[in-house]
Amino acid sequence: MKQVKKIAITFAGGLLLLIGLLFIVLPGPAILIIPLALVLLSKEYPIAKEWLRKFQRYSRKSAEKLDSFFAKR
């Protein structure tokens, strides 16, 4: 049963990640789909947890830069 759960999480997370990566090129909400896929994959794979943390750091830095840019205007 545990193996089936791992396979299901891997398949669903991989599919979401693939869709998110496609949405980078195609019009779509990649900024929402990719972190969702990483959250799902991080339940089984430590490398996905590291990627999620990097994504969170970059998102926070981007938000801070945008805040400072619009605060100056």
N, C-alpha and C. Protein backbone atom coordinates (compact mmCIF):
# COMPACT_ATOMS: atom_id res chain seq x y z
N MET A 1 0.82 -1.20 0.00
CA MET A 1 0.00 0.00 0.00
C MET A 1 0.87 1.26 0.00
N LYS A 2 1.97 1.20 0.74
CA LYS A 2 2.86 2.36 0.82
C LYS A 2 3.49 2.65 -0.54
N GLN A 3 3.82 1.58 -1.27
CA GLN A 3 4.42 1.73 -2.60
C GLN A 3 3.43 2.36 -3.56
N VAL A 4 2.16 1.99 -3.45
CA VAL A 4 1.12 2.55 -4.33
C VAL A 4 0.97 4.04 -4.05
N LYS A 5 1.02 4.43 -2.77
CA LYS A 5 0.91 5.84 -2.41
C LYS A 5 2.08 6.64 -2.98
N LYS A 6 3.29 6.08 -2.89
CA LYS A 6 4.47 6.77 -3.42
C LYS A 6 4.36 6.92 -4.94
N ILE A 7 3.91 5.90 -5.61
CA ILE A 7 3.74 5.96 -7.07
C ILE A 7 2.69 7.00 -7.44
N ALA A 8 1.59 7.04 -6.70
CA ALA A 8 0.52 8.00 -6.99
C ALA A 8 1.01 9.44 -6.77
N ILE A 9 1.73 9.67 -5.68
CA ILE A 9 2.26 11.01 -5.41
C ILE A 9 3.27 11.40 -6.47
N THR A 10 4.13 10.47 -6.87
CA THR A 10 5.12 10.75 -7.91
C THR A 10 4.46 11.07 -9.23
N PHE A 11 3.46 10.30 -9.60
CA PHE A 11 2.77 10.53 -10.87
C PHE A 11 2.04 11.87 -10.86
N ALA A 12 1.26 12.12 -9.80
CA ALA A 12 0.49 13.37 -9.73
C ALA A 12 1.42 14.59 -9.66
N GLY A 13 2.46 14.51 -8.83
CA GLY A 13 3.40 15.63 -8.72
C GLY A 13 4.18 15.85 -10.00
N GLY A 14 4.59 14.77 -10.64
CA GLY A 14 5.31 14.89 -11.91
C GLY A 14 4.45 15.48 -13.00
N LEU A 15 3.19 15.05 -13.04
CA LEU A 15 2.26 15.58 -14.03
C LEU A 15 2.00 17.07 -13.80
N LEU A 16 1.80 17.45 -12.55
CA LEU A 16 1.60 18.87 -12.24
C LEU A 16 2.84 19.69 -12.58
N LEU A 17 4.00 19.14 -12.29
CA LEU A 17 5.24 19.86 -12.60
C LEU A 17 5.40 20.02 -14.11
N LEU A 18 5.10 18.99 -14.85
CA LEU A 18 5.17 19.08 -16.31
C LEU A 18 4.19 20.13 -16.84
N ILE A 19 2.98 20.14 -16.32
CA ILE A 19 1.99 21.14 -16.73
C ILE A 19 2.48 22.54 -16.37
N GLY A 20 3.04 22.70 -15.17
CA GLY A 20 3.57 23.99 -14.76
C GLY A 20 4.69 24.47 -15.66
N LEU A 21 5.57 23.56 -16.04
CA LEU A 21 6.66 23.93 -16.94
C LEU A 21 6.13 24.29 -18.32
N LEU A 22 5.10 23.62 -18.77
CA LEU A 22 4.47 23.98 -20.05
C LEU A 22 3.83 25.37 -19.97
N PHE A 23 3.28 25.69 -18.80
CA PHE A 23 2.65 26.99 -18.62
C PHE A 23 3.65 28.13 -18.58
N ILE A 24 4.93 27.83 -18.46
CA ILE A 24 5.94 28.90 -18.57
C ILE A 24 5.96 29.40 -20.00
N VAL A 25 5.85 28.47 -20.95
CA VAL A 25 5.88 28.82 -22.37
C VAL A 25 4.49 29.21 -22.86
N LEU A 26 3.49 28.44 -22.47
CA LEU A 26 2.11 28.70 -22.87
C LEU A 26 1.45 29.62 -21.85
N PRO A 27 0.38 30.28 -22.21
CA PRO A 27 -0.30 31.11 -21.22
C PRO A 27 -0.99 30.25 -20.16
N GLY A 28 -0.65 30.51 -18.93
CA GLY A 28 -1.25 29.76 -17.84
C GLY A 28 -0.62 30.13 -16.51
N PRO A 29 -1.16 29.62 -15.41
CA PRO A 29 -0.71 30.00 -14.07
C PRO A 29 0.48 29.17 -13.57
N ALA A 30 1.61 29.26 -14.24
CA ALA A 30 2.79 28.48 -13.85
C ALA A 30 3.24 28.81 -12.44
N ILE A 31 3.10 30.07 -12.04
CA ILE A 31 3.55 30.51 -10.72
C ILE A 31 2.76 29.84 -9.60
N LEU A 32 1.60 29.30 -9.91
CA LEU A 32 0.79 28.57 -8.92
C LEU A 32 0.96 27.06 -9.02
N ILE A 33 1.10 26.55 -10.23
CA ILE A 33 1.14 25.11 -10.46
C ILE A 33 2.47 24.51 -10.02
N ILE A 34 3.57 25.18 -10.33
CA ILE A 34 4.89 24.63 -10.00
C ILE A 34 5.08 24.46 -8.49
N PRO A 35 4.77 25.46 -7.65
CA PRO A 35 4.93 25.24 -6.21
C PRO A 35 3.99 24.15 -5.68
N LEU A 36 2.80 24.07 -6.24
CA LEU A 36 1.87 23.02 -5.83
C LEU A 36 2.45 21.64 -6.12
N ALA A 37 3.05 21.49 -7.29
CA ALA A 37 3.69 20.22 -7.65
C ALA A 37 4.86 19.92 -6.72
N LEU A 38 5.65 20.95 -6.39
CA LEU A 38 6.79 20.73 -5.50
C LEU A 38 6.35 20.37 -4.09
N VAL A 39 5.25 20.94 -3.63
CA VAL A 39 4.72 20.58 -2.31
C VAL A 39 4.33 19.11 -2.31
N LEU A 40 3.66 18.68 -3.35
CA LEU A 40 3.24 17.29 -3.45
C LEU A 40 4.45 16.36 -3.52
N LEU A 41 5.41 16.69 -4.36
CA LEU A 41 6.60 15.84 -4.50
C LEU A 41 7.49 15.85 -3.26
N SER A 42 7.47 16.95 -2.49
CA SER A 42 8.31 17.02 -1.30
C SER A 42 7.87 16.07 -0.20
N LYS A 43 6.68 15.54 -0.32
CA LYS A 43 6.22 14.54 0.65
C LYS A 43 7.03 13.25 0.53
N GLU A 44 7.58 12.98 -0.64
CA GLU A 44 8.32 11.74 -0.87
C GLU A 44 9.80 11.94 -1.19
N TYR A 45 10.16 13.12 -1.73
CA TYR A 45 11.53 13.33 -2.21
C TYR A 45 12.15 14.56 -1.56
N PRO A 46 13.27 14.40 -0.85
CA PRO A 46 13.92 15.55 -0.21
C PRO A 46 14.42 16.60 -1.21
N ILE A 47 14.80 16.21 -2.41
CA ILE A 47 15.28 17.18 -3.39
C ILE A 47 14.17 18.15 -3.79
N ALA A 48 12.94 17.67 -3.83
CA ALA A 48 11.81 18.54 -4.15
C ALA A 48 11.60 19.57 -3.03
N LYS A 49 11.88 19.16 -1.80
CA LYS A 49 11.76 20.11 -0.67
C LYS A 49 12.80 21.22 -0.80
N GLU A 50 14.01 20.87 -1.24
CA GLU A 50 15.04 21.89 -1.46
C GLU A 50 14.62 22.84 -2.57
N TRP A 51 14.10 22.31 -3.67
CA TRP A 51 13.65 23.15 -4.78
C TRP A 51 12.52 24.07 -4.34
N LEU A 52 11.62 23.55 -3.50
CA LEU A 52 10.51 24.36 -3.00
C LEU A 52 11.04 25.51 -2.14
N ARG A 53 12.02 25.23 -1.31
CA ARG A 53 12.60 26.29 -0.48
C ARG A 53 13.28 27.36 -1.34
N LYS A 54 13.99 26.92 -2.39
CA LYS A 54 14.61 27.89 -3.31
C LYS A 54 13.54 28.74 -3.98
N PHE A 55 12.48 28.11 -4.43
CA PHE A 55 11.39 28.84 -5.07
C PHE A 55 10.79 29.86 -4.11
N GLN A 56 10.62 29.47 -2.85
CA GLN A 56 10.07 30.39 -1.86
C GLN A 56 11.01 31.57 -1.61
N ARG A 57 12.30 31.29 -1.55
CA ARG A 57 13.27 32.39 -1.35
C ARG A 57 13.25 33.36 -2.52
N TYR A 58 13.29 32.83 -3.73
CA TYR A 58 13.27 33.69 -4.92
C TYR A 58 11.96 34.47 -5.01
N SER A 59 10.87 33.86 -4.65
CA SER A 59 9.57 34.55 -4.69
C SER A 59 9.54 35.69 -3.68
N ARG A 60 10.07 35.42 -2.48
CA ARG A 60 10.09 36.47 -1.45
C ARG A 60 10.98 37.63 -1.89
N LYS A 61 12.16 37.32 -2.46
CA LYS A 61 13.05 38.39 -2.91
C LYS A 61 12.41 39.20 -4.03
N SER A 62 11.73 38.53 -4.93
CA SER A 62 11.04 39.23 -6.02
C SER A 62 9.95 40.14 -5.49
N ALA A 63 9.20 39.65 -4.52
CA ALA A 63 8.13 40.45 -3.94
C ALA A 63 8.71 41.68 -3.23
N GLU A 64 9.83 41.50 -2.52
CA GLU A 64 10.45 42.64 -1.83
C GLU A 64 10.94 43.68 -2.84
N LYS A 65 11.53 43.22 -3.94
CA LYS A 65 12.00 44.17 -4.97
C LYS A 65 10.84 44.92 -5.60
N LEU A 66 9.77 44.21 -5.88
CA LEU A 66 8.59 44.88 -6.44
C LEU A 66 7.98 45.88 -5.47
N ASP A 67 7.94 45.51 -4.19
CA ASP A 67 7.43 46.44 -3.17
C ASP A 67 8.26 47.71 -3.12
N SER A 68 9.58 47.55 -3.13
CA SER A 68 10.43 48.73 -3.05
C SER A 68 10.33 49.56 -4.34
N PHE A 69 10.16 48.91 -5.48
CA PHE A 69 10.01 49.62 -6.74
C PHE A 69 8.73 50.47 -6.73
N PHE A 70 7.63 49.89 -6.31
CA PHE A 70 6.36 50.62 -6.31
C PHE A 70 6.26 51.62 -5.15
N ALA A 71 7.02 51.40 -4.10
CA ALA A 71 7.02 52.37 -2.99
C ALA A 71 7.72 53.66 -3.40
N LYS A 72 8.67 53.57 -4.31
CA LYS A 72 9.40 54.75 -4.77
C LYS A 72 8.54 55.63 -5.69
N ARG A 73 7.56 55.05 -6.31
CA ARG A 73 6.73 55.79 -7.27
C ARG A 73 5.76 56.61 -6.56
